[in-house]
Amino acid sequence: SDWQPAKNTEFLLAGISPNTKRKIFQFFLEHFTIDVQQ
């Protein structure tokens, strides 16, 4: 809530278990529209 993505940022996804990875990906997709290609 205290962060905004900069342009052309290279993102890395944390998480080991499939469930955690899916949740993190969906969270940042919904809140910041960060998609797979980024």
Full PDB file with SEQRES, HELIX, SHEET, SSBOND, CRYST1, ORIGX, SCALE, CONECT and MASTER records, all heavy atoms in Angstrom:
SEQRES   1 A   38  SER ASP TRP GLN PRO ALA LYS ASN THR GLU PHE LEU LEU          
SEQRES   2 A   38  ALA GLY ILE SER PRO ASN THR LYS ARG LYS ILE PHE GLN          
SEQRES   3 A   38  PHE PHE LEU GLU HIS PHE THR ILE ASP VAL GLN GLN              
HELIX    1 AA1 PRO A   18  PHE A   32  1                                  15    
CRYST1    1.000    1.000    1.000  90.00  90.00  90.00 P 1           1          
ORIGX1      1.000000  0.000000  0.000000        0.00000                         
ORIGX2      0.000000  1.000000  0.000000        0.00000                         
ORIGX3      0.000000  0.000000  1.000000        0.00000                         
SCALE1      1.000000  0.000000  0.000000        0.00000                         
SCALE2      0.000000  1.000000  0.000000        0.00000                         
SCALE3      0.000000  0.000000  1.000000        0.00000                         
ATOM      1  N   SER A   1       0.814  -1.220   0.000  1.00  0.00           N  
ATOM      2  CA  SER A   1       0.000   0.000   0.000  1.00  0.00           C  
ATOM      3  C   SER A   1       0.850   1.273   0.000  1.00  0.00           C  
ATOM      4  O   SER A   1       0.335   2.371  -0.258  1.00  0.00           O  
ATOM      5  CB  SER A   1      -0.943   0.010   1.199  1.00  0.00           C  
ATOM      6  OG  SER A   1      -0.217  -0.038   2.411  1.00  0.00           O  
ATOM      7  N   ASP A   2       2.154   1.140   0.277  1.00  0.00           N  
ATOM      8  CA  ASP A   2       3.063   2.287   0.280  1.00  0.00           C  
ATOM      9  C   ASP A   2       3.977   2.302  -0.945  1.00  0.00           C  
ATOM     10  O   ASP A   2       4.988   2.993  -0.955  1.00  0.00           O  
ATOM     11  CB  ASP A   2       3.935   2.260   1.547  1.00  0.00           C  
ATOM     12  CG  ASP A   2       3.112   2.277   2.812  1.00  0.00           C  
ATOM     13  OD1 ASP A   2       2.130   3.044   2.857  1.00  0.00           O  
ATOM     14  OD2 ASP A   2       3.429   1.505   3.734  1.00  0.00           O  
ATOM     15  N   TRP A   3       3.607   1.558  -1.975  1.00  0.00           N  
ATOM     16  CA  TRP A   3       4.502   1.351  -3.126  1.00  0.00           C  
ATOM     17  C   TRP A   3       3.750   1.499  -4.433  1.00  0.00           C  
ATOM     18  O   TRP A   3       2.558   1.181  -4.523  1.00  0.00           O  
ATOM     19  CB  TRP A   3       5.101  -0.053  -3.020  1.00  0.00           C  
ATOM     20  CG  TRP A   3       5.882  -0.511  -4.210  1.00  0.00           C  
ATOM     21  CD1 TRP A   3       7.181  -0.230  -4.505  1.00  0.00           C  
ATOM     22  CD2 TRP A   3       5.416  -1.379  -5.256  1.00  0.00           C  
ATOM     23  NE1 TRP A   3       7.553  -0.861  -5.679  1.00  0.00           N  
ATOM     24  CE2 TRP A   3       6.487  -1.570  -6.153  1.00  0.00           C  
ATOM     25  CE3 TRP A   3       4.190  -1.999  -5.514  1.00  0.00           C  
ATOM     26  CZ2 TRP A   3       6.371  -2.356  -7.299  1.00  0.00           C  
ATOM     27  CZ3 TRP A   3       4.068  -2.787  -6.649  1.00  0.00           C  
ATOM     28  CH2 TRP A   3       5.154  -2.953  -7.532  1.00  0.00           C  
ATOM     29  N   GLN A   4       4.438   2.012  -5.436  1.00  0.00           N  
ATOM     30  CA  GLN A   4       3.917   2.047  -6.796  1.00  0.00           C  
ATOM     31  C   GLN A   4       5.002   1.569  -7.750  1.00  0.00           C  
ATOM     32  O   GLN A   4       6.172   1.963  -7.607  1.00  0.00           O  
ATOM     33  CB  GLN A   4       3.474   3.461  -7.192  1.00  0.00           C  
ATOM     34  CG  GLN A   4       2.134   3.879  -6.613  1.00  0.00           C  
ATOM     35  CD  GLN A   4       0.973   3.067  -7.163  1.00  0.00           C  
ATOM     36  OE1 GLN A   4       0.977   2.673  -8.325  1.00  0.00           O  
ATOM     37  NE2 GLN A   4      -0.020   2.813  -6.326  1.00  0.00           N  
ATOM     38  N   PRO A   5       4.657   0.715  -8.709  1.00  0.00           N  
ATOM     39  CA  PRO A   5       5.693   0.213  -9.630  1.00  0.00           C  
ATOM     40  C   PRO A   5       6.192   1.300 -10.569  1.00  0.00           C  
ATOM     41  O   PRO A   5       5.410   2.130 -11.048  1.00  0.00           O  
ATOM     42  CB  PRO A   5       4.963  -0.895 -10.409  1.00  0.00           C  
ATOM     43  CG  PRO A   5       3.512  -0.546 -10.292  1.00  0.00           C  
ATOM     44  CD  PRO A   5       3.341   0.116  -8.965  1.00  0.00           C  
ATOM     45  N   ALA A   6       7.484   1.280 -10.800  1.00  0.00           N  
ATOM     46  CA  ALA A   6       8.074   2.194 -11.775  1.00  0.00           C  
ATOM     47  C   ALA A   6       7.959   1.588 -13.172  1.00  0.00           C  
ATOM     48  O   ALA A   6       7.751   0.380 -13.333  1.00  0.00           O  
ATOM     49  CB  ALA A   6       9.539   2.441 -11.429  1.00  0.00           C  
ATOM     50  N   LYS A   7       8.089   2.415 -14.179  1.00  0.00           N  
ATOM     51  CA  LYS A   7       8.030   1.932 -15.550  1.00  0.00           C  
ATOM     52  C   LYS A   7       9.233   1.042 -15.851  1.00  0.00           C  
ATOM     53  O   LYS A   7      10.324   1.247 -15.335  1.00  0.00           O  
ATOM     54  CB  LYS A   7       8.004   3.112 -16.531  1.00  0.00           C  
ATOM     55  CG  LYS A   7       6.713   3.909 -16.501  1.00  0.00           C  
ATOM     56  CD  LYS A   7       6.729   5.006 -17.556  1.00  0.00           C  
ATOM     57  CE  LYS A   7       5.403   5.776 -17.561  1.00  0.00           C  
ATOM     58  NZ  LYS A   7       5.413   6.859 -18.588  1.00  0.00           N  
ATOM     59  N   ASN A   8       8.994   0.042 -16.698  1.00  0.00           N  
ATOM     60  CA  ASN A   8      10.051  -0.861 -17.180  1.00  0.00           C  
ATOM     61  C   ASN A   8      10.742  -1.627 -16.060  1.00  0.00           C  
ATOM     62  O   ASN A   8      11.910  -2.011 -16.182  1.00  0.00           O  
ATOM     63  CB  ASN A   8      11.096  -0.078 -17.995  1.00  0.00           C  
ATOM     64  CG  ASN A   8      10.483   0.652 -19.164  1.00  0.00           C  
ATOM     65  OD1 ASN A   8       9.638   0.099 -19.868  1.00  0.00           O  
ATOM     66  ND2 ASN A   8      10.884   1.900 -19.368  1.00  0.00           N  
ATOM     67  N   THR A   9      10.032  -1.857 -14.965  1.00  0.00           N  
ATOM     68  CA  THR A   9      10.596  -2.622 -13.861  1.00  0.00           C  
ATOM     69  C   THR A   9      10.610  -4.108 -14.208  1.00  0.00           C  
ATOM     70  O   THR A   9       9.682  -4.631 -14.815  1.00  0.00           O  
ATOM     71  CB  THR A   9       9.764  -2.406 -12.581  1.00  0.00           C  
ATOM     72  OG1 THR A   9       9.821  -1.026 -12.235  1.00  0.00           O  
ATOM     73  CG2 THR A   9      10.298  -3.229 -11.432  1.00  0.00           C  
ATOM     74  N   GLU A  10      11.693  -4.799 -13.807  1.00  0.00           N  
ATOM     75  CA  GLU A  10      11.765  -6.252 -13.942  1.00  0.00           C  
ATOM     76  C   GLU A  10      11.307  -6.872 -12.624  1.00  0.00           C  
ATOM     77  O   GLU A  10      11.934  -6.665 -11.580  1.00  0.00           O  
ATOM     78  CB  GLU A  10      13.186  -6.684 -14.285  1.00  0.00           C  
ATOM     79  CG  GLU A  10      13.631  -6.243 -15.658  1.00  0.00           C  
ATOM     80  CD  GLU A  10      14.961  -6.852 -16.038  1.00  0.00           C  
ATOM     81  OE1 GLU A  10      15.993  -6.265 -15.677  1.00  0.00           O  
ATOM     82  OE2 GLU A  10      14.970  -7.909 -16.688  1.00  0.00           O  
ATOM     83  N   PHE A  11      10.228  -7.641 -12.679  1.00  0.00           N  
ATOM     84  CA  PHE A  11       9.640  -8.215 -11.478  1.00  0.00           C  
ATOM     85  C   PHE A  11      10.070  -9.669 -11.289  1.00  0.00           C  
ATOM     86  O   PHE A  11      10.232 -10.416 -12.258  1.00  0.00           O  
ATOM     87  CB  PHE A  11       8.116  -8.148 -11.544  1.00  0.00           C  
ATOM     88  CG  PHE A  11       7.576  -6.746 -11.542  1.00  0.00           C  
ATOM     89  CD1 PHE A  11       7.072  -6.172 -12.697  1.00  0.00           C  
ATOM     90  CD2 PHE A  11       7.588  -5.991 -10.382  1.00  0.00           C  
ATOM     91  CE1 PHE A  11       6.582  -4.877 -12.699  1.00  0.00           C  
ATOM     92  CE2 PHE A  11       7.099  -4.693 -10.365  1.00  0.00           C  
ATOM     93  CZ  PHE A  11       6.595  -4.137 -11.531  1.00  0.00           C  
ATOM     94  N   LEU A  12      10.203 -10.038 -10.017  1.00  0.00           N  
ATOM     95  CA  LEU A  12      10.495 -11.411  -9.615  1.00  0.00           C  
ATOM     96  C   LEU A  12       9.366 -11.867  -8.698  1.00  0.00           C  
ATOM     97  O   LEU A  12       8.884 -11.086  -7.871  1.00  0.00           O  
ATOM     98  CB  LEU A  12      11.829 -11.489  -8.872  1.00  0.00           C  
ATOM     99  CG  LEU A  12      13.007 -10.777  -9.527  1.00  0.00           C  
ATOM    100  CD1 LEU A  12      14.211 -10.790  -8.599  1.00  0.00           C  
ATOM    101  CD2 LEU A  12      13.350 -11.429 -10.855  1.00  0.00           C  
ATOM    102  N   LEU A  13       8.950 -13.116  -8.830  1.00  0.00           N  
ATOM    103  CA  LEU A  13       7.845 -13.631  -8.026  1.00  0.00           C  
ATOM    104  C   LEU A  13       8.374 -14.475  -6.882  1.00  0.00           C  
ATOM    105  O   LEU A  13       9.076 -15.468  -7.106  1.00  0.00           O  
ATOM    106  CB  LEU A  13       6.901 -14.470  -8.895  1.00  0.00           C  
ATOM    107  CG  LEU A  13       5.648 -14.976  -8.181  1.00  0.00           C  
ATOM    108  CD1 LEU A  13       4.657 -13.827  -7.980  1.00  0.00           C  
ATOM    109  CD2 LEU A  13       4.978 -16.096  -8.962  1.00  0.00           C  
ATOM    110  N   ALA A  14       8.040 -14.090  -5.643  1.00  0.00           N  
ATOM    111  CA  ALA A  14       8.380 -14.903  -4.485  1.00  0.00           C  
ATOM    112  C   ALA A  14       7.378 -16.048  -4.360  1.00  0.00           C  
ATOM    113  O   ALA A  14       6.369 -16.098  -5.050  1.00  0.00           O  
ATOM    114  CB  ALA A  14       8.383 -14.054  -3.219  1.00  0.00           C  
ATOM    115  N   GLY A  15       7.654 -16.965  -3.448  1.00  0.00           N  
ATOM    116  CA  GLY A  15       6.754 -18.091  -3.222  1.00  0.00           C  
ATOM    117  C   GLY A  15       7.358 -19.400  -3.690  1.00  0.00           C  
ATOM    118  O   GLY A  15       7.964 -19.472  -4.758  1.00  0.00           O  
ATOM    119  N   ILE A  16       7.177 -20.452  -2.884  1.00  0.00           N  
ATOM    120  CA  ILE A  16       7.668 -21.780  -3.245  1.00  0.00           C  
ATOM    121  C   ILE A  16       6.514 -22.702  -3.602  1.00  0.00           C  
ATOM    122  O   ILE A  16       6.510 -23.346  -4.649  1.00  0.00           O  
ATOM    123  CB  ILE A  16       8.520 -22.390  -2.115  1.00  0.00           C  
ATOM    124  CG1 ILE A  16       9.832 -21.610  -1.964  1.00  0.00           C  
ATOM    125  CG2 ILE A  16       8.824 -23.862  -2.399  1.00  0.00           C  
ATOM    126  CD1 ILE A  16      10.724 -22.110  -0.857  1.00  0.00           C  
ATOM    127  N   SER A  17       5.501 -22.762  -2.746  1.00  0.00           N  
ATOM    128  CA  SER A  17       4.385 -23.668  -3.022  1.00  0.00           C  
ATOM    129  C   SER A  17       3.528 -23.115  -4.156  1.00  0.00           C  
ATOM    130  O   SER A  17       3.428 -21.896  -4.339  1.00  0.00           O  
ATOM    131  CB  SER A  17       3.522 -23.853  -1.777  1.00  0.00           C  
ATOM    132  OG  SER A  17       2.742 -22.699  -1.534  1.00  0.00           O  
ATOM    133  N   PRO A  18       2.901 -23.998  -4.943  1.00  0.00           N  
ATOM    134  CA  PRO A  18       2.031 -23.517  -6.020  1.00  0.00           C  
ATOM    135  C   PRO A  18       0.951 -22.558  -5.532  1.00  0.00           C  
ATOM    136  O   PRO A  18       0.677 -21.534  -6.173  1.00  0.00           O  
ATOM    137  CB  PRO A  18       1.423 -24.810  -6.578  1.00  0.00           C  
ATOM    138  CG  PRO A  18       2.444 -25.853  -6.300  1.00  0.00           C  
ATOM    139  CD  PRO A  18       3.031 -25.474  -4.974  1.00  0.00           C  
ATOM    140  N   ASN A  19       0.343 -22.857  -4.392  1.00  0.00           N  
ATOM    141  CA  ASN A  19      -0.734 -22.017  -3.874  1.00  0.00           C  
ATOM    142  C   ASN A  19      -0.235 -20.616  -3.552  1.00  0.00           C  
ATOM    143  O   ASN A  19      -0.880 -19.607  -3.884  1.00  0.00           O  
ATOM    144  CB  ASN A  19      -1.344 -22.661  -2.631  1.00  0.00           C  
ATOM    145  CG  ASN A  19      -2.600 -21.957  -2.177  1.00  0.00           C  
ATOM    146  OD1 ASN A  19      -3.464 -21.630  -2.974  1.00  0.00           O  
ATOM    147  ND2 ASN A  19      -2.718 -21.719  -0.880  1.00  0.00           N  
ATOM    148  N   THR A  20       0.924 -20.521  -2.915  1.00  0.00           N  
ATOM    149  CA  THR A  20       1.494 -19.213  -2.580  1.00  0.00           C  
ATOM    150  C   THR A  20       1.839 -18.431  -3.840  1.00  0.00           C  
ATOM    151  O   THR A  20       1.546 -17.231  -3.944  1.00  0.00           O  
ATOM    152  CB  THR A  20       2.746 -19.370  -1.701  1.00  0.00           C  
ATOM    153  OG1 THR A  20       2.383 -20.033  -0.485  1.00  0.00           O  
ATOM    154  CG2 THR A  20       3.360 -18.023  -1.369  1.00  0.00           C  
ATOM    155  N   LYS A  21       2.437 -19.091  -4.812  1.00  0.00           N  
ATOM    156  CA  LYS A  21       2.802 -18.401  -6.059  1.00  0.00           C  
ATOM    157  C   LYS A  21       1.565 -17.875  -6.776  1.00  0.00           C  
ATOM    158  O   LYS A  21       1.565 -16.733  -7.264  1.00  0.00           O  
ATOM    159  CB  LYS A  21       3.600 -19.349  -6.955  1.00  0.00           C  
ATOM    160  CG  LYS A  21       5.009 -19.626  -6.444  1.00  0.00           C  
ATOM    161  CD  LYS A  21       5.819 -20.460  -7.401  1.00  0.00           C  
ATOM    162  CE  LYS A  21       5.427 -21.906  -7.386  1.00  0.00           C  
ATOM    163  NZ  LYS A  21       6.347 -22.756  -8.188  1.00  0.00           N  
ATOM    164  N   ARG A  22       0.526 -18.690  -6.849  1.00  0.00           N  
ATOM    165  CA  ARG A  22      -0.701 -18.240  -7.516  1.00  0.00           C  
ATOM    166  C   ARG A  22      -1.301 -17.042  -6.800  1.00  0.00           C  
ATOM    167  O   ARG A  22      -1.743 -16.077  -7.427  1.00  0.00           O  
ATOM    168  CB  ARG A  22      -1.736 -19.374  -7.567  1.00  0.00           C  
ATOM    169  CG  ARG A  22      -1.493 -20.400  -8.641  1.00  0.00           C  
ATOM    170  CD  ARG A  22      -2.753 -21.203  -8.902  1.00  0.00           C  
ATOM    171  NE  ARG A  22      -3.390 -21.663  -7.681  1.00  0.00           N  
ATOM    172  CZ  ARG A  22      -3.072 -22.770  -7.036  1.00  0.00           C  
ATOM    173  NH1 ARG A  22      -2.103 -23.545  -7.500  1.00  0.00           N  
ATOM    174  NH2 ARG A  22      -3.695 -23.117  -5.935  1.00  0.00           N  
ATOM    175  N   LYS A  23      -1.350 -17.097  -5.459  1.00  0.00           N  
ATOM    176  CA  LYS A  23      -1.941 -16.003  -4.686  1.00  0.00           C  
ATOM    177  C   LYS A  23      -1.168 -14.702  -4.881  1.00  0.00           C  
ATOM    178  O   LYS A  23      -1.764 -13.624  -5.034  1.00  0.00           O  
ATOM    179  CB  LYS A  23      -1.986 -16.378  -3.203  1.00  0.00           C  
ATOM    180  CG  LYS A  23      -3.075 -17.373  -2.846  1.00  0.00           C  
ATOM    181  CD  LYS A  23      -3.092 -17.640  -1.355  1.00  0.00           C  
ATOM    182  CE  LYS A  23      -4.229 -18.567  -0.963  1.00  0.00           C  
ATOM    183  NZ  LYS A  23      -4.237 -18.839   0.501  1.00  0.00           N  
ATOM    184  N   ILE A  24       0.162 -14.787  -4.850  1.00  0.00           N  
ATOM    185  CA  ILE A  24       0.966 -13.574  -5.022  1.00  0.00           C  
ATOM    186  C   ILE A  24       0.769 -13.016  -6.421  1.00  0.00           C  
ATOM    187  O   ILE A  24       0.572 -11.801  -6.608  1.00  0.00           O  
ATOM    188  CB  ILE A  24       2.449 -13.867  -4.747  1.00  0.00           C  
ATOM    189  CG1 ILE A  24       2.647 -14.196  -3.254  1.00  0.00           C  
ATOM    190  CG2 ILE A  24       3.326 -12.688  -5.154  1.00  0.00           C  
ATOM    191  CD1 ILE A  24       4.033 -14.710  -2.925  1.00  0.00           C  
ATOM    192  N   PHE A  25       0.814 -13.876  -7.435  1.00  0.00           N  
ATOM    193  CA  PHE A  25       0.620 -13.397  -8.802  1.00  0.00           C  
ATOM    194  C   PHE A  25      -0.737 -12.720  -8.963  1.00  0.00           C  
ATOM    195  O   PHE A  25      -0.830 -11.613  -9.506  1.00  0.00           O  
ATOM    196  CB  PHE A  25       0.758 -14.549  -9.799  1.00  0.00           C  
ATOM    197  CG  PHE A  25       0.397 -14.138 -11.200  1.00  0.00           C  
ATOM    198  CD1 PHE A  25       1.233 -13.321 -11.934  1.00  0.00           C  
ATOM    199  CD2 PHE A  25      -0.808 -14.541 -11.754  1.00  0.00           C  
ATOM    200  CE1 PHE A  25       0.891 -12.910 -13.218  1.00  0.00           C  
ATOM    201  CE2 PHE A  25      -1.163 -14.146 -13.034  1.00  0.00           C  
ATOM    202  CZ  PHE A  25      -0.314 -13.327 -13.771  1.00  0.00           C  
ATOM    203  N   GLN A  26      -1.807 -13.366  -8.482  1.00  0.00           N  
ATOM    204  CA  GLN A  26      -3.145 -12.803  -8.630  1.00  0.00           C  
ATOM    205  C   GLN A  26      -3.284 -11.485  -7.864  1.00  0.00           C  
ATOM    206  O   GLN A  26      -3.928 -10.546  -8.337  1.00  0.00           O  
ATOM    207  CB  GLN A  26      -4.194 -13.807  -8.150  1.00  0.00           C  
ATOM    208  CG  GLN A  26      -4.362 -15.001  -9.069  1.00  0.00           C  
ATOM    209  CD  GLN A  26      -4.862 -14.620 -10.455  1.00  0.00           C  
ATOM    210  OE1 GLN A  26      -5.586 -13.652 -10.618  1.00  0.00           O  
ATOM    211  NE2 GLN A  26      -4.462 -15.382 -11.455  1.00  0.00           N  
ATOM    212  N   PHE A  27      -2.673 -11.418  -6.686  1.00  0.00           N  
ATOM    213  CA  PHE A  27      -2.753 -10.198  -5.875  1.00  0.00           C  
ATOM    214  C   PHE A  27      -2.179  -9.008  -6.628  1.00  0.00           C  
ATOM    215  O   PHE A  27      -2.823  -7.951  -6.744  1.00  0.00           O  
ATOM    216  CB  PHE A  27      -2.001 -10.400  -4.553  1.00  0.00           C  
ATOM    217  CG  PHE A  27      -2.085  -9.228  -3.625  1.00  0.00           C  
ATOM    218  CD1 PHE A  27      -3.090  -9.149  -2.674  1.00  0.00           C  
ATOM    219  CD2 PHE A  27      -1.160  -8.190  -3.699  1.00  0.00           C  
ATOM    220  CE1 PHE A  27      -3.170  -8.053  -1.810  1.00  0.00           C  
ATOM    221  CE2 PHE A  27      -1.241  -7.102  -2.847  1.00  0.00           C  
ATOM    222  CZ  PHE A  27      -2.251  -7.041  -1.903  1.00  0.00           C  
ATOM    223  N   PHE A  28      -0.969  -9.147  -7.169  1.00  0.00           N  
ATOM    224  CA  PHE A  28      -0.334  -8.013  -7.829  1.00  0.00           C  
ATOM    225  C   PHE A  28      -0.909  -7.766  -9.223  1.00  0.00           C  
ATOM    226  O   PHE A  28      -0.845  -6.639  -9.719  1.00  0.00           O  
ATOM    227  CB  PHE A  28       1.179  -8.206  -7.859  1.00  0.00           C  
ATOM    228  CG  PHE A  28       1.821  -7.976  -6.513  1.00  0.00           C  
ATOM    229  CD1 PHE A  28       2.101  -9.035  -5.665  1.00  0.00           C  
ATOM    230  CD2 PHE A  28       2.093  -6.688  -6.083  1.00  0.00           C  
ATOM    231  CE1 PHE A  28       2.671  -8.817  -4.415  1.00  0.00           C  
ATOM    232  CE2 PHE A  28       2.656  -6.456  -4.835  1.00  0.00           C  
ATOM    233  CZ  PHE A  28       2.941  -7.525  -3.991  1.00  0.00           C  
ATOM    234  N   LEU A  29      -1.506  -8.777  -9.812  1.00  0.00           N  
ATOM    235  CA  LEU A  29      -2.230  -8.546 -11.062  1.00  0.00           C  
ATOM    236  C   LEU A  29      -3.463  -7.698 -10.802  1.00  0.00           C  
ATOM    237  O   LEU A  29      -3.737  -6.729 -11.524  1.00  0.00           O  
ATOM    238  CB  LEU A  29      -2.632  -9.889 -11.684  1.00  0.00           C  
ATOM    239  CG  LEU A  29      -3.457  -9.814 -12.972  1.00  0.00           C  
ATOM    240  CD1 LEU A  29      -2.679  -9.145 -14.096  1.00  0.00           C  
ATOM    241  CD2 LEU A  29      -3.919 -11.212 -13.390  1.00  0.00           C  
ATOM    242  N   GLU A  30      -4.209  -8.020  -9.755  1.00  0.00           N  
ATOM    243  CA  GLU A  30      -5.446  -7.298  -9.455  1.00  0.00           C  
ATOM    244  C   GLU A  30      -5.175  -5.882  -8.941  1.00  0.00           C  
ATOM    245  O   GLU A  30      -5.907  -4.941  -9.282  1.00  0.00           O  
ATOM    246  CB  GLU A  30      -6.260  -8.084  -8.427  1.00  0.00           C  
ATOM    247  CG  GLU A  30      -6.814  -9.388  -8.970  1.00  0.00           C  
ATOM    248  CD  GLU A  30      -7.389 -10.279  -7.890  1.00  0.00           C  
ATOM    249  OE1 GLU A  30      -7.467  -9.819  -6.714  1.00  0.00           O  
ATOM    250  OE2 GLU A  30      -7.735 -11.431  -8.195  1.00  0.00           O  
ATOM    251  N   HIS A  31      -4.130  -5.708  -8.126  1.00  0.00           N  
ATOM    252  CA  HIS A  31      -3.875  -4.400  -7.522  1.00  0.00           C  
ATOM    253  C   HIS A  31      -3.044  -3.471  -8.407  1.00  0.00           C  
ATOM    254  O   HIS A  31      -3.184  -2.244  -8.324  1.00  0.00           O  
ATOM    255  CB  HIS A  31      -3.167  -4.574  -6.176  1.00  0.00           C  
ATOM    256  CG  HIS A  31      -4.074  -5.046  -5.078  1.00  0.00           C  
ATOM    257  ND1 HIS A  31      -4.493  -6.350  -4.973  1.00  0.00           N  
ATOM    258  CD2 HIS A  31      -4.645  -4.377  -4.045  1.00  0.00           C  
ATOM    259  CE1 HIS A  31      -5.277  -6.470  -3.918  1.00  0.00           C  
ATOM    260  NE2 HIS A  31      -5.389  -5.293  -3.332  1.00  0.00           N  
ATOM    261  N   PHE A  32      -2.173  -4.048  -9.256  1.00  0.00           N  
ATOM    262  CA  PHE A  32      -1.244  -3.209 -10.023  1.00  0.00           C  
ATOM    263  C   PHE A  32      -1.172  -3.597 -11.502  1.00  0.00           C  
ATOM    264  O   PHE A  32      -0.332  -3.057 -12.229  1.00  0.00           O  
ATOM    265  CB  PHE A  32       0.167  -3.298  -9.412  1.00  0.00           C  
ATOM    266  CG  PHE A  32       0.253  -2.840  -7.995  1.00  0.00           C  
ATOM    267  CD1 PHE A  32       0.262  -3.756  -6.947  1.00  0.00           C  
ATOM    268  CD2 PHE A  32       0.319  -1.489  -7.681  1.00  0.00           C  
ATOM    269  CE1 PHE A  32       0.337  -3.329  -5.632  1.00  0.00           C  
ATOM    270  CE2 PHE A  32       0.397  -1.058  -6.360  1.00  0.00           C  
ATOM    271  CZ  PHE A  32       0.406  -1.979  -5.331  1.00  0.00           C  
ATOM    272  N   THR A  33      -2.032  -4.505 -11.938  1.00  0.00           N  
ATOM    273  CA  THR A  33      -2.066  -5.004 -13.325  1.00  0.00           C  
ATOM    274  C   THR A  33      -0.693  -5.467 -13.803  1.00  0.00           C  
ATOM    275  O   THR A  33      -0.297  -5.235 -14.966  1.00  0.00           O  
ATOM    276  CB  THR A  33      -2.648  -3.957 -14.302  1.00  0.00           C  
ATOM    277  OG1 THR A  33      -1.799  -2.795 -14.333  1.00  0.00           O  
ATOM    278  CG2 THR A  33      -4.051  -3.548 -13.886  1.00  0.00           C  
ATOM    279  N   ILE A  34       0.061  -6.123 -12.924  1.00  0.00           N  
ATOM    280  CA  ILE A  34       1.357  -6.690 -13.307  1.00  0.00           C  
ATOM    281  C   ILE A  34       1.098  -8.085 -13.870  1.00  0.00           C  
ATOM    282  O   ILE A  34       0.687  -8.993 -13.142  1.00  0.00           O  
ATOM    283  CB  ILE A  34       2.308  -6.749 -12.104  1.00  0.00           C  
ATOM    284  CG1 ILE A  34       2.565  -5.329 -11.577  1.00  0.00           C  
ATOM    285  CG2 ILE A  34       3.617  -7.422 -12.483  1.00  0.00           C  
ATOM    286  CD1 ILE A  34       3.285  -5.285 -10.245  1.00  0.00           C  
ATOM    287  N   ASP A  35       1.332  -8.246 -15.169  1.00  0.00           N  
ATOM    288  CA  ASP A  35       0.974  -9.504 -15.818  1.00  0.00           C  
ATOM    289  C   ASP A  35       2.189 -10.398 -16.023  1.00  0.00           C  
ATOM    290  O   ASP A  35       3.319 -10.042 -15.656  1.00  0.00           O  
ATOM    291  CB  ASP A  35       0.233  -9.257 -17.133  1.00  0.00           C  
ATOM    292  CG  ASP A  35       1.078  -8.490 -18.149  1.00  0.00           C  
ATOM    293  OD1 ASP A  35       2.327  -8.482 -18.022  1.00  0.00           O  
ATOM    294  OD2 ASP A  35       0.488  -7.913 -19.073  1.00  0.00           O  
ATOM    295  N   VAL A  36       1.949 -11.563 -16.602  1.00  0.00           N  
ATOM    296  CA  VAL A  36       2.986 -12.597 -16.723  1.00  0.00           C  
ATOM    297  C   VAL A  36       4.213 -12.079 -17.469  1.00  0.00           C  
ATOM    298  O   VAL A  36       5.358 -12.383 -17.096  1.00  0.00           O  
ATOM    299  CB  VAL A  36       2.407 -13.832 -17.441  1.00  0.00           C  
ATOM    300  CG1 VAL A  36       3.500 -14.841 -17.766  1.00  0.00           C  
ATOM    301  CG2 VAL A  36       1.335 -14.490 -16.590  1.00  0.00           C  
ATOM    302  N   GLN A  37       4.007 -11.306 -18.512  1.00  0.00           N  
ATOM    303  CA  GLN A  37       5.114 -10.862 -19.352  1.00  0.00           C  
ATOM    304  C   GLN A  37       6.092  -9.937 -18.629  1.00  0.00           C  
ATOM    305  O   GLN A  37       7.221  -9.746 -19.081  1.00  0.00           O  
ATOM    306  CB  GLN A  37       4.575 -10.139 -20.599  1.00  0.00           C  
ATOM    307  CG  GLN A  37       3.929 -11.038 -21.629  1.00  0.00           C  
ATOM    308  CD  GLN A  37       2.558 -11.542 -21.197  1.00  0.00           C  
ATOM    309  OE1 GLN A  37       1.870 -10.875 -20.418  1.00  0.00           O  
ATOM    310  NE2 GLN A  37       2.169 -12.700 -21.689  1.00  0.00           N  
ATOM    311  N   GLN A  38       5.686  -9.392 -17.500  1.00  0.00           N  
ATOM    312  CA  GLN A  38       6.552  -8.454 -16.779  1.00  0.00           C  
ATOM    313  C   GLN A  38       7.485  -9.140 -15.781  1.00  0.00           C  
ATOM    314  O   GLN A  38       8.344  -8.488 -15.190  1.00  0.00           O  
ATOM    315  CB  GLN A  38       5.696  -7.403 -16.060  1.00  0.00           C  
ATOM    316  CG  GLN A  38       4.965  -6.470 -17.010  1.00  0.00           C  
ATOM    317  CD  GLN A  38       3.987  -5.565 -16.287  1.00  0.00           C  
ATOM    318  OE1 GLN A  38       2.813  -5.894 -16.129  1.00  0.00           O  
ATOM    319  NE2 GLN A  38       4.459  -4.422 -15.845  1.00  0.00           N  
TER     320      GLN A  38                                                      
MASTER        0    0    0    1    0    0    0    6  319    1    0    3          
END                                                                             
